[in-house]
Protein backbone atom coordinates (compact mmCIF):
# COMPACT_ATOMS: atom_id res chain seq x y z
CA MET A 1 10.74 88.84 13.85
CA THR A 2 7.90 89.00 10.66
CA THR A 3 3.77 89.59 11.96
CA ALA A 4 1.66 87.21 10.76
CA VAL A 5 -2.01 87.23 10.62
CA VAL A 6 -3.47 83.78 12.33
CA PRO A 7 -6.91 82.54 11.55
CA ARG A 8 -8.98 83.72 14.50
CA ALA A 9 -12.58 81.67 16.21
CA SER A 10 -15.30 83.58 17.49
CA THR A 11 -14.30 85.55 21.07
CA GLY A 12 -18.12 84.34 22.00
CA GLY A 13 -19.09 80.78 23.25
CA TRP A 14 -17.12 79.06 25.43
CA THR A 15 -14.25 80.91 24.62
CA GLY A 16 -15.36 83.99 26.41
CA LEU A 17 -16.93 82.76 28.72
CA ALA A 18 -13.97 80.53 29.96
CA GLY A 19 -11.99 82.69 30.38
CA THR A 20 -14.26 85.40 32.06
CA VAL A 21 -15.99 82.84 34.48
CA GLY A 22 -12.70 80.83 35.29
CA SER A 23 -11.16 84.05 36.16
CA LEU A 24 -13.77 85.19 38.26
CA LEU A 25 -13.22 81.92 40.15
CA GLU A 26 -9.48 81.78 40.65
CA TRP A 27 -9.44 85.65 41.78
CA TYR A 28 -12.06 85.14 44.31
CA ASP A 29 -10.87 82.05 45.99
CA PHE A 30 -7.86 83.76 45.65
CA THR A 31 -8.66 87.10 47.14
CA VAL A 32 -11.12 86.08 49.86
CA TYR A 33 -8.00 85.41 51.98
CA GLY A 34 -7.01 88.95 51.87
CA PHE A 35 -10.47 90.27 52.78
CA LEU A 36 -10.53 87.56 55.74
CA ALA A 37 -6.58 88.60 56.84
CA PRO A 38 -7.47 90.43 60.33
CA ILE A 39 -9.71 87.21 61.32
CA LEU A 40 -7.32 84.51 60.03
CA GLY A 41 -4.73 86.34 61.57
CA LYS A 42 -5.91 86.38 65.65
CA LEU A 43 -7.20 82.55 64.69
CA PHE A 44 -3.77 81.27 63.08
CA PHE A 45 -1.74 83.54 64.77
CA PRO A 46 -2.37 84.22 68.05
CA ALA A 47 -0.70 87.30 69.74
CA GLU A 48 -0.98 89.68 72.54
CA ASP A 49 -0.41 92.50 70.05
CA GLN A 50 -2.95 92.67 66.98
CA VAL A 51 -0.37 94.16 64.85
CA ALA A 52 1.92 91.22 65.14
CA SER A 53 -0.93 88.68 64.35
CA LEU A 54 -1.42 90.88 61.13
CA LEU A 55 1.56 90.88 60.08
CA ALA A 56 2.08 87.12 60.18
CA ALA A 57 -1.90 87.31 58.26
CA PHE A 58 -0.54 89.25 55.86
CA GLY A 59 3.33 87.54 55.75
CA VAL A 60 1.40 84.56 54.25
CA PHE A 61 -0.77 86.40 52.51
CA ALA A 62 2.60 87.88 50.29
CA ILE A 63 4.10 83.98 50.59
CA GLY A 64 0.89 83.32 48.20
CA TYR A 65 1.96 85.75 45.93
CA ALA A 66 5.44 84.89 46.23
CA ALA A 67 5.29 81.69 44.72
CA ARG A 68 3.09 83.04 42.11
CA PRO A 69 5.98 83.38 39.75
CA VAL A 70 7.41 80.02 39.98
CA GLY A 71 3.11 78.87 39.19
CA GLY A 72 3.81 81.75 36.17
CA ALA A 73 6.51 79.91 35.41
CA ILE A 74 5.37 76.22 35.10
CA PHE A 75 1.36 76.97 33.78
CA GLY A 76 2.83 79.39 31.32
CA HIS A 77 5.40 76.39 30.26
CA ILE A 78 2.42 74.25 29.84
CA GLY A 79 0.75 76.75 27.96
CA ASP A 80 2.92 77.48 25.21
CA LYS A 81 3.99 73.82 24.91
CA ALA A 82 1.11 71.83 25.79
CA GLY A 83 -1.37 74.84 24.85
CA ARG A 84 -3.73 77.51 26.50
CA LYS A 85 -6.35 74.97 27.83
CA PRO A 86 -4.78 72.23 29.65
CA ALA A 87 -2.84 75.08 31.18
CA MET A 88 -6.44 76.45 32.32
CA ILE A 89 -7.90 73.52 33.35
CA MET A 90 -4.67 72.46 35.76
CA SER A 91 -5.06 76.06 37.50
CA ALA A 92 -8.70 75.46 38.62
CA VAL A 93 -8.18 72.18 39.91
CA MET A 94 -5.26 73.08 41.85
CA MET A 95 -7.06 76.22 43.23
CA GLY A 96 -10.66 74.29 44.33
CA LEU A 97 -8.71 72.01 46.42
CA ALA A 98 -6.61 74.71 47.95
CA THR A 99 -8.80 76.71 49.03
CA LEU A 100 -11.52 74.05 50.01
CA GLY A 101 -8.21 73.04 52.46
CA ILE A 102 -8.38 76.51 53.73
CA GLY A 103 -11.89 76.18 54.74
CA ILE A 104 -12.33 73.16 56.45
CA LEU A 105 -8.59 73.63 58.60
CA PRO A 106 -8.37 73.65 62.06
CA ASP A 107 -7.01 76.70 63.46
CA HIS A 108 -4.00 77.45 66.55
CA ALA A 109 -6.99 76.89 69.12
CA GLN A 110 -7.12 73.30 67.61
CA ILE A 111 -3.87 71.61 66.76
CA GLY A 112 -1.25 74.62 67.72
CA THR A 113 1.16 75.66 65.48
CA ALA A 114 0.59 73.22 62.52
CA ALA A 115 -2.74 74.69 61.53
CA ALA A 116 -0.52 77.99 60.78
CA LEU A 117 2.28 75.65 58.87
CA LEU A 118 -0.80 73.90 56.79
CA LEU A 119 -2.07 77.46 55.90
CA VAL A 120 1.44 78.51 54.78
CA VAL A 121 0.89 75.42 52.79
CA LEU A 122 -1.96 75.35 50.86
CA ARG A 123 -1.77 79.95 50.49
CA ILE A 124 1.88 78.49 48.40
CA LEU A 125 -0.96 76.40 46.20
CA GLN A 126 -3.21 79.25 45.90
CA GLY A 127 -0.43 81.02 44.54
CA LEU A 128 1.11 78.43 42.32
CA SER A 129 -2.12 77.94 40.72
CA VAL A 130 -3.20 81.99 40.60
CA GLY A 131 0.08 82.63 38.97
CA GLY A 132 -0.72 80.57 35.66
CA GLU A 133 -4.26 81.37 35.55
CA PHE A 134 -5.24 85.22 34.66
CA THR A 135 -1.91 84.87 32.32
CA ASP A 136 -3.67 81.57 30.30
CA SER A 137 -6.60 83.36 29.65
CA VAL A 138 -6.21 86.76 28.44
CA VAL A 139 -3.06 85.25 26.41
CA MET A 140 -6.22 83.19 24.82
CA LEU A 141 -9.13 85.87 24.34
CA ALA A 142 -6.78 87.98 22.77
CA GLU A 143 -4.93 85.55 20.45
CA GLN A 144 -8.91 85.28 19.41
CA ALA A 145 -10.33 89.21 18.86
CA PRO A 146 -10.88 91.46 16.14
CA LEU A 147 -8.19 93.76 15.96
CA ASP A 148 -9.62 96.78 16.47
CA ARG A 149 -11.55 94.92 19.85
CA ARG A 150 -8.70 93.28 20.83
CA GLY A 151 -8.45 95.42 24.08
CA PHE A 152 -11.87 95.34 24.98
CA VAL A 153 -12.08 91.12 24.38
CA ALA A 154 -8.39 90.70 26.27
CA SER A 155 -9.97 93.16 29.19
CA TRP A 156 -13.02 90.38 29.53
CA ALA A 157 -10.96 88.18 31.53
CA GLU A 158 -9.49 91.32 34.51
CA MET A 159 -12.92 92.03 34.65
CA GLY A 160 -13.86 88.21 35.54
CA GLY A 161 -11.57 88.10 38.29
CA ILE A 162 -12.67 92.04 39.22
CA VAL A 163 -16.30 90.52 39.76
CA GLY A 164 -14.84 87.05 41.63
CA MET A 165 -12.95 89.83 43.89
CA LEU A 166 -16.41 91.53 44.26
CA LEU A 167 -18.08 88.28 44.74
CA GLY A 168 -14.76 87.95 47.52
CA SER A 169 -15.56 91.32 49.77
CA GLY A 170 -19.66 90.70 48.87
CA VAL A 171 -19.72 87.18 50.60
CA GLY A 172 -17.31 88.34 53.33
CA ALA A 173 -18.99 91.36 53.81
CA LEU A 174 -22.95 89.43 53.64
CA THR A 175 -21.66 86.40 55.99
CA SER A 176 -20.23 89.13 58.57
CA SER A 177 -23.40 91.40 58.52
CA VAL A 178 -25.58 88.38 58.71
CA LEU A 179 -23.61 86.09 61.20
CA GLY A 180 -21.91 89.54 63.38
CA ASP A 181 -18.26 89.82 64.22
CA ALA A 182 -18.56 86.65 67.06
CA ALA A 183 -20.02 83.94 64.76
CA MET A 184 -17.73 85.10 61.93
CA HIS A 185 -14.71 84.76 64.19
CA ALA A 186 -15.58 81.42 65.49
CA TRP A 187 -16.57 79.70 62.02
CA GLY A 188 -18.25 81.70 59.65
CA TRP A 189 -15.08 83.06 58.46
CA ARG A 190 -15.10 79.34 55.86
CA ILE A 191 -18.18 79.86 54.60
CA PRO A 192 -16.83 82.18 51.76
CA PHE A 193 -13.57 79.34 51.55
CA LEU A 194 -16.15 76.44 50.75
CA LEU A 195 -18.25 78.15 48.52
CA GLY A 196 -15.13 78.89 46.19
CA ALA A 197 -14.55 75.55 46.67
CA VAL A 198 -17.73 74.53 45.25
CA ILE A 199 -17.80 76.92 42.28
CA ALA A 200 -14.37 75.94 41.19
CA VAL A 201 -15.67 72.74 40.26
CA PHE A 202 -17.98 74.42 37.59
CA GLY A 203 -14.99 76.14 36.18
CA VAL A 204 -13.26 72.87 35.45
CA VAL A 205 -16.90 71.99 33.48
CA LEU A 206 -16.45 75.46 31.46
CA ARG A 207 -12.91 74.95 30.32
CA ARG A 208 -13.59 71.36 28.96
CA GLN A 209 -15.35 72.52 26.55
CA LEU A 210 -12.95 75.32 25.58
CA ALA A 211 -11.36 74.48 21.80
CA GLU A 212 -7.42 75.18 21.69
CA SER A 213 -5.93 78.90 21.11
CA PRO A 214 -5.97 78.66 16.70
CA ALA A 215 -2.92 80.95 16.93
CA LEU A 216 -0.59 78.17 18.42
CA ASN A 217 -1.42 76.15 14.99
CA CYS A 218 0.54 78.97 12.83
CA VAL A 219 4.01 78.95 14.58
CA GLU A 220 6.73 76.46 15.00
CA ARG A 221 7.26 75.73 19.38
CA THR A 222 10.17 76.36 20.80
CA LYS A 223 11.84 72.88 21.62
CA SER A 224 13.69 74.56 25.00
CA SER A 225 11.38 75.86 27.30
CA PRO A 226 9.49 78.74 26.79
CA VAL A 227 10.26 80.12 29.95
CA ILE A 228 14.21 79.72 29.40
CA VAL A 229 13.66 81.02 25.77
CA ALA A 230 11.47 84.25 26.82
CA ILE A 231 14.02 85.06 29.84
CA ARG A 232 16.73 84.55 27.17
CA HIS A 233 15.54 86.17 24.42
CA HIS A 234 13.11 88.38 26.09
CA TRP A 235 13.64 90.30 29.43
CA GLN A 236 13.51 93.24 27.46
CA PRO A 237 10.10 93.57 27.39
CA ILE A 238 9.35 91.39 30.20
CA LEU A 239 11.01 94.12 32.21
CA ARG A 240 9.44 96.67 30.74
CA MET A 241 6.19 94.95 31.71
CA VAL A 242 6.96 94.78 35.49
CA SER A 243 8.23 98.64 35.44
CA LEU A 244 4.38 99.31 34.30
CA LEU A 245 2.59 96.98 35.92
CA LEU A 246 4.13 98.12 39.17
CA MET A 247 1.40 101.15 39.50
CA GLN A 248 -1.97 99.20 39.72
CA GLY A 249 0.06 96.27 41.38
CA ILE A 250 0.88 97.97 44.53
CA GLY A 251 -2.03 100.24 44.41
CA PHE A 252 -4.16 97.77 44.10
CA TYR A 253 -3.54 95.97 46.98
CA MET A 254 -2.73 98.55 49.03
CA VAL A 255 -6.04 100.21 48.89
CA PHE A 256 -8.49 96.91 48.60
CA ILE A 257 -6.30 94.60 50.74
CA TYR A 258 -4.34 97.21 53.17
CA ALA A 259 -7.72 99.60 53.75
CA ALA A 260 -9.39 97.30 54.98
CA SER A 261 -7.65 95.82 57.61
CA TYR A 262 -6.57 99.47 58.58
CA LEU A 263 -10.14 100.63 58.98
CA THR A 264 -10.77 97.72 61.20
CA GLU A 265 -7.71 97.74 63.44
CA ARG A 266 -6.80 101.17 63.27
CA MET A 267 -10.40 103.01 62.94
CA HIS A 268 -12.46 100.68 64.91
CA PHE A 269 -14.93 99.70 61.86
CA SER A 270 -16.72 96.62 61.26
CA THR A 271 -15.99 93.68 59.34
CA ALA A 272 -19.06 94.47 57.53
CA ARG A 273 -19.21 98.23 57.05
CA ALA A 274 -14.72 98.35 55.94
CA LEU A 275 -15.98 95.49 53.41
CA ASP A 276 -18.56 97.33 52.57
CA ILE A 277 -16.88 100.25 51.57
CA ASN A 278 -14.14 98.17 49.51
CA THR A 279 -17.31 96.48 47.82
CA LEU A 280 -18.40 99.90 46.14
CA ALA A 281 -15.18 101.09 45.37
CA LEU A 282 -14.96 97.47 43.26
CA VAL A 283 -18.34 98.48 41.43
CA ALA A 284 -16.14 101.28 40.44
CA MET A 285 -13.49 99.68 39.26
CA LEU A 286 -15.83 97.08 37.04
CA VAL A 287 -17.52 100.02 35.46
CA ALA A 288 -13.62 102.11 34.59
CA ALA A 289 -12.41 99.29 33.13
CA PRO A 290 -13.96 97.98 30.08
CA VAL A 291 -14.06 102.12 29.00
CA ALA A 292 -10.34 102.26 29.71
CA ALA A 293 -10.03 99.31 27.46
CA ILE A 294 -12.68 100.46 24.75
CA ALA A 295 -10.85 103.64 25.32
CA SER A 296 -7.17 102.20 23.96
CA ASP A 297 -8.60 100.21 20.52
CA ARG A 298 -9.89 103.75 19.73
CA PHE A 299 -6.94 106.14 20.65
CA GLY A 300 -4.22 104.03 21.56
CA ARG A 301 -2.48 101.97 24.65
CA LYS A 302 -0.03 104.58 25.78
CA PRO A 303 -2.39 107.58 25.58
CA VAL A 304 -4.95 106.23 27.77
CA LEU A 305 -1.68 104.70 29.99
CA TYR A 306 -0.37 108.40 30.11
CA PHE A 307 -3.45 109.97 31.63
CA ILE A 308 -3.89 106.85 34.15
CA VAL A 309 -0.03 107.07 35.28
CA VAL A 310 -0.20 111.01 35.83
CA ALA A 311 -3.66 111.06 37.21
CA THR A 312 -2.65 108.31 39.60
CA CYS A 313 0.52 110.12 40.96
CA PHE A 314 -1.79 113.22 41.61
CA LEU A 315 -3.99 112.53 43.19
CA ALA A 316 -2.89 109.39 45.92
CA TRP A 317 -2.57 111.71 48.83
CA PRO A 318 -5.73 114.06 48.39
CA LEU A 319 -7.61 110.11 48.07
CA TRP A 320 -5.41 108.84 50.87
CA GLY A 321 -6.15 111.69 53.41
CA LEU A 322 -10.30 111.51 52.82
CA MET A 323 -9.81 107.57 53.72
CA HIS A 324 -8.37 109.14 57.06
CA HIS A 325 -11.72 110.92 58.08
CA GLN A 326 -14.18 109.06 60.35
CA ASN A 327 -16.83 110.22 58.18
CA PHE A 328 -18.24 107.16 56.03
CA THR A 329 -19.06 109.24 53.37
CA LEU A 330 -15.53 110.58 52.94
CA ILE A 331 -14.02 107.14 52.76
CA LEU A 332 -15.91 105.74 50.76
CA CYS A 333 -15.07 108.57 48.42
CA GLY A 334 -11.47 108.21 48.88
CA GLN A 335 -11.86 104.70 48.76
CA VAL A 336 -14.30 104.45 45.32
CA GLY A 337 -11.58 107.27 43.56
CA PHE A 338 -8.73 104.58 43.30
CA GLY A 339 -11.35 101.44 42.42
CA LEU A 340 -11.60 103.80 39.34
CA LEU A 341 -8.17 105.14 38.75
CA MET A 342 -7.19 100.99 39.39
CA GLY A 343 -9.96 100.24 37.70
CA LEU A 344 -8.87 102.08 34.43
CA ALA A 345 -5.34 100.73 34.53
CA PHE A 346 -6.80 96.88 34.71
CA GLY A 347 -8.74 97.54 31.79
CA VAL A 348 -5.84 98.73 29.37
CA THR A 349 -2.95 96.53 31.09
CA PRO A 350 -4.00 93.02 29.23
CA ALA A 351 -4.07 93.64 25.72
CA THR A 352 -1.07 95.72 26.55
CA MET A 353 1.03 93.14 27.97
CA ILE A 354 -0.30 90.35 25.47
CA GLU A 355 0.91 92.45 22.33
CA MET A 356 4.83 92.94 24.05
CA LEU A 357 5.61 89.48 23.28
CA PRO A 358 5.33 86.85 20.38
CA THR A 359 3.06 83.56 19.88
CA GLU A 360 5.49 80.62 20.99
CA VAL A 361 6.43 82.01 24.43
CA ARG A 362 3.41 84.52 25.26
CA CYS A 363 2.10 82.74 27.94
CA SER A 364 5.75 82.26 29.29
CA GLY A 365 6.69 85.90 29.15
CA VAL A 366 3.35 87.28 30.11
CA ALA A 367 3.09 85.08 33.12
CA LEU A 368 6.94 85.50 34.22
CA GLY A 369 6.34 89.49 33.82
CA TYR A 370 2.87 89.75 35.06
CA ASN A 371 3.83 87.35 38.17
CA LEU A 372 7.02 89.58 39.03
CA CYS A 373 5.15 92.84 39.76
CA PHE A 374 1.96 91.06 41.62
CA GLY A 375 4.38 88.58 43.81
CA LEU A 376 6.99 90.43 44.34
CA PHE A 377 5.52 93.95 44.88
CA GLY A 378 1.83 93.78 44.49
CA GLY A 379 1.48 90.93 47.32
CA THR A 380 4.16 92.63 49.85
CA THR A 381 2.37 95.64 50.11
CA PRO A 382 0.10 94.90 52.79
CA LEU A 383 2.47 93.94 54.99
CA ILE A 384 5.17 96.95 53.41
CA ALA A 385 2.54 99.13 54.18
CA THR A 386 1.36 97.49 57.58
CA TYR A 387 5.56 98.08 58.77
CA LEU A 388 6.00 101.52 57.62
CA VAL A 389 2.84 102.68 59.49
CA ALA A 390 4.35 101.04 62.68
CA ARG A 391 7.19 101.90 61.55
CA THR A 392 7.12 106.26 60.76
CA ALA A 393 3.86 106.78 62.45
CA ASP A 394 2.70 108.65 59.36
CA ASP A 395 -0.51 106.81 58.08
CA PHE A 396 0.31 108.41 54.73
CA ALA A 397 3.63 106.45 54.39
CA PRO A 398 1.62 103.78 52.17
CA ALA A 399 0.47 107.28 50.02
CA TYR A 400 3.77 108.16 49.27
CA TYR A 401 5.25 104.82 48.69
CA LEU A 402 2.26 104.43 45.53
CA ILE A 403 3.64 108.19 44.21
CA ALA A 404 6.67 106.74 43.98
CA VAL A 405 6.10 103.48 42.03
CA THR A 406 3.57 105.33 39.67
CA ILE A 407 7.41 107.48 38.64
CA VAL A 408 8.68 104.13 37.88
CA SER A 409 5.77 103.18 35.57
CA PHE A 410 6.02 106.51 34.12
CA ILE A 411 9.42 106.22 33.24
CA ALA A 412 8.35 102.14 31.90
CA LEU A 413 5.71 104.05 29.66
CA LEU A 414 8.21 106.05 27.82
CA GLY A 415 10.18 104.09 25.51
CA LEU A 416 6.71 101.94 24.62
CA PRO A 417 5.91 101.78 21.06
CA GLU A 418 2.15 101.22 20.06
CA THR A 419 0.58 98.10 19.32
CA ALA A 420 -2.89 99.08 19.21
CA ARG A 421 -5.06 97.72 16.34
CA LYS A 422 -1.94 95.59 15.41
CA PRO A 423 -1.50 92.14 14.29
CA LEU A 424 0.33 89.75 17.28
CA ARG A 425 3.95 88.74 16.77
């Protein structure tokens, strides 16, 4: 495959704003479910055993993630065939409608088991939507970025997503603090979902102003499905991508989703207190992401990735230990430490993924690799972590799980070529 210099539009204006804000809106809508899982478990999956209710709620969380590879294939196909812009608009519309549905959905006490079934359907629609959202956004940003700033520009979509998660945690914490636990369980949990549906409209309007990525004008689009071409001819970089992303996929949802429920269910923190910790850790993540992206533009992707993987492997156990103290400050230090590590990883991987695949299958290939990892492994992490702790009676079992996957990510790094400051294929 030869390299070519393609015309590049400005990364400012609508493209940068739509890539960042659109990702913010999508990830707010998608992750607010995880932050409110302890409440949703009791309302939609009532059981005498609180662990059983929580397992059911996280099961639905995992179903949404299982739908992500399918959504990635659908919207990746659209992005490579019809263009990046149509795919980004369609994903925003689907996410807004699904989030509105959850916000107005009757619970188990009102319509019985139908409530749980409808929640599953709406969660699947969210999963399909977010499966193509992030990858289409980051591809569009990277294709229009200068060679020496591609890592930083590509990270804008990731930082938008972090802000969306931060907003989801912040809105959940604020709502819970203002209303109190009783009102939050009765009806207050609907407010974050309804707010997400309203602001999703802004994302659709914003994306309608986008210009199409100029890189598509310089390649011959595949006659067959880009997804099939990506699997048939580029399965090796896609497999490497999945392995490389394992650490951050599992690490993020273990720390920011599972840990929030652990603090409320096992350590008896209030929902507001647990979300306060999450919010501060996400701020640390937001600060770390651009630092890693800029460093990868200057020193290369691989040196930064090696540092992150090794640091996570050696720090996972002590940081997890801090999160199991009764002292609020120590718990906060542990989660902020994880937030910094995850922020570094999320800052450098967007450009790394884009540089692994050629233009004509880039949306499809990145969507497959990213969503297979986060869908099959990241999304099931809260469920697996809850099961491991219940099965082994060892609160450190999730930390051992994370340490194991850092080894897989390290092996994936060994054969990865350095692509920083080089033209996209």
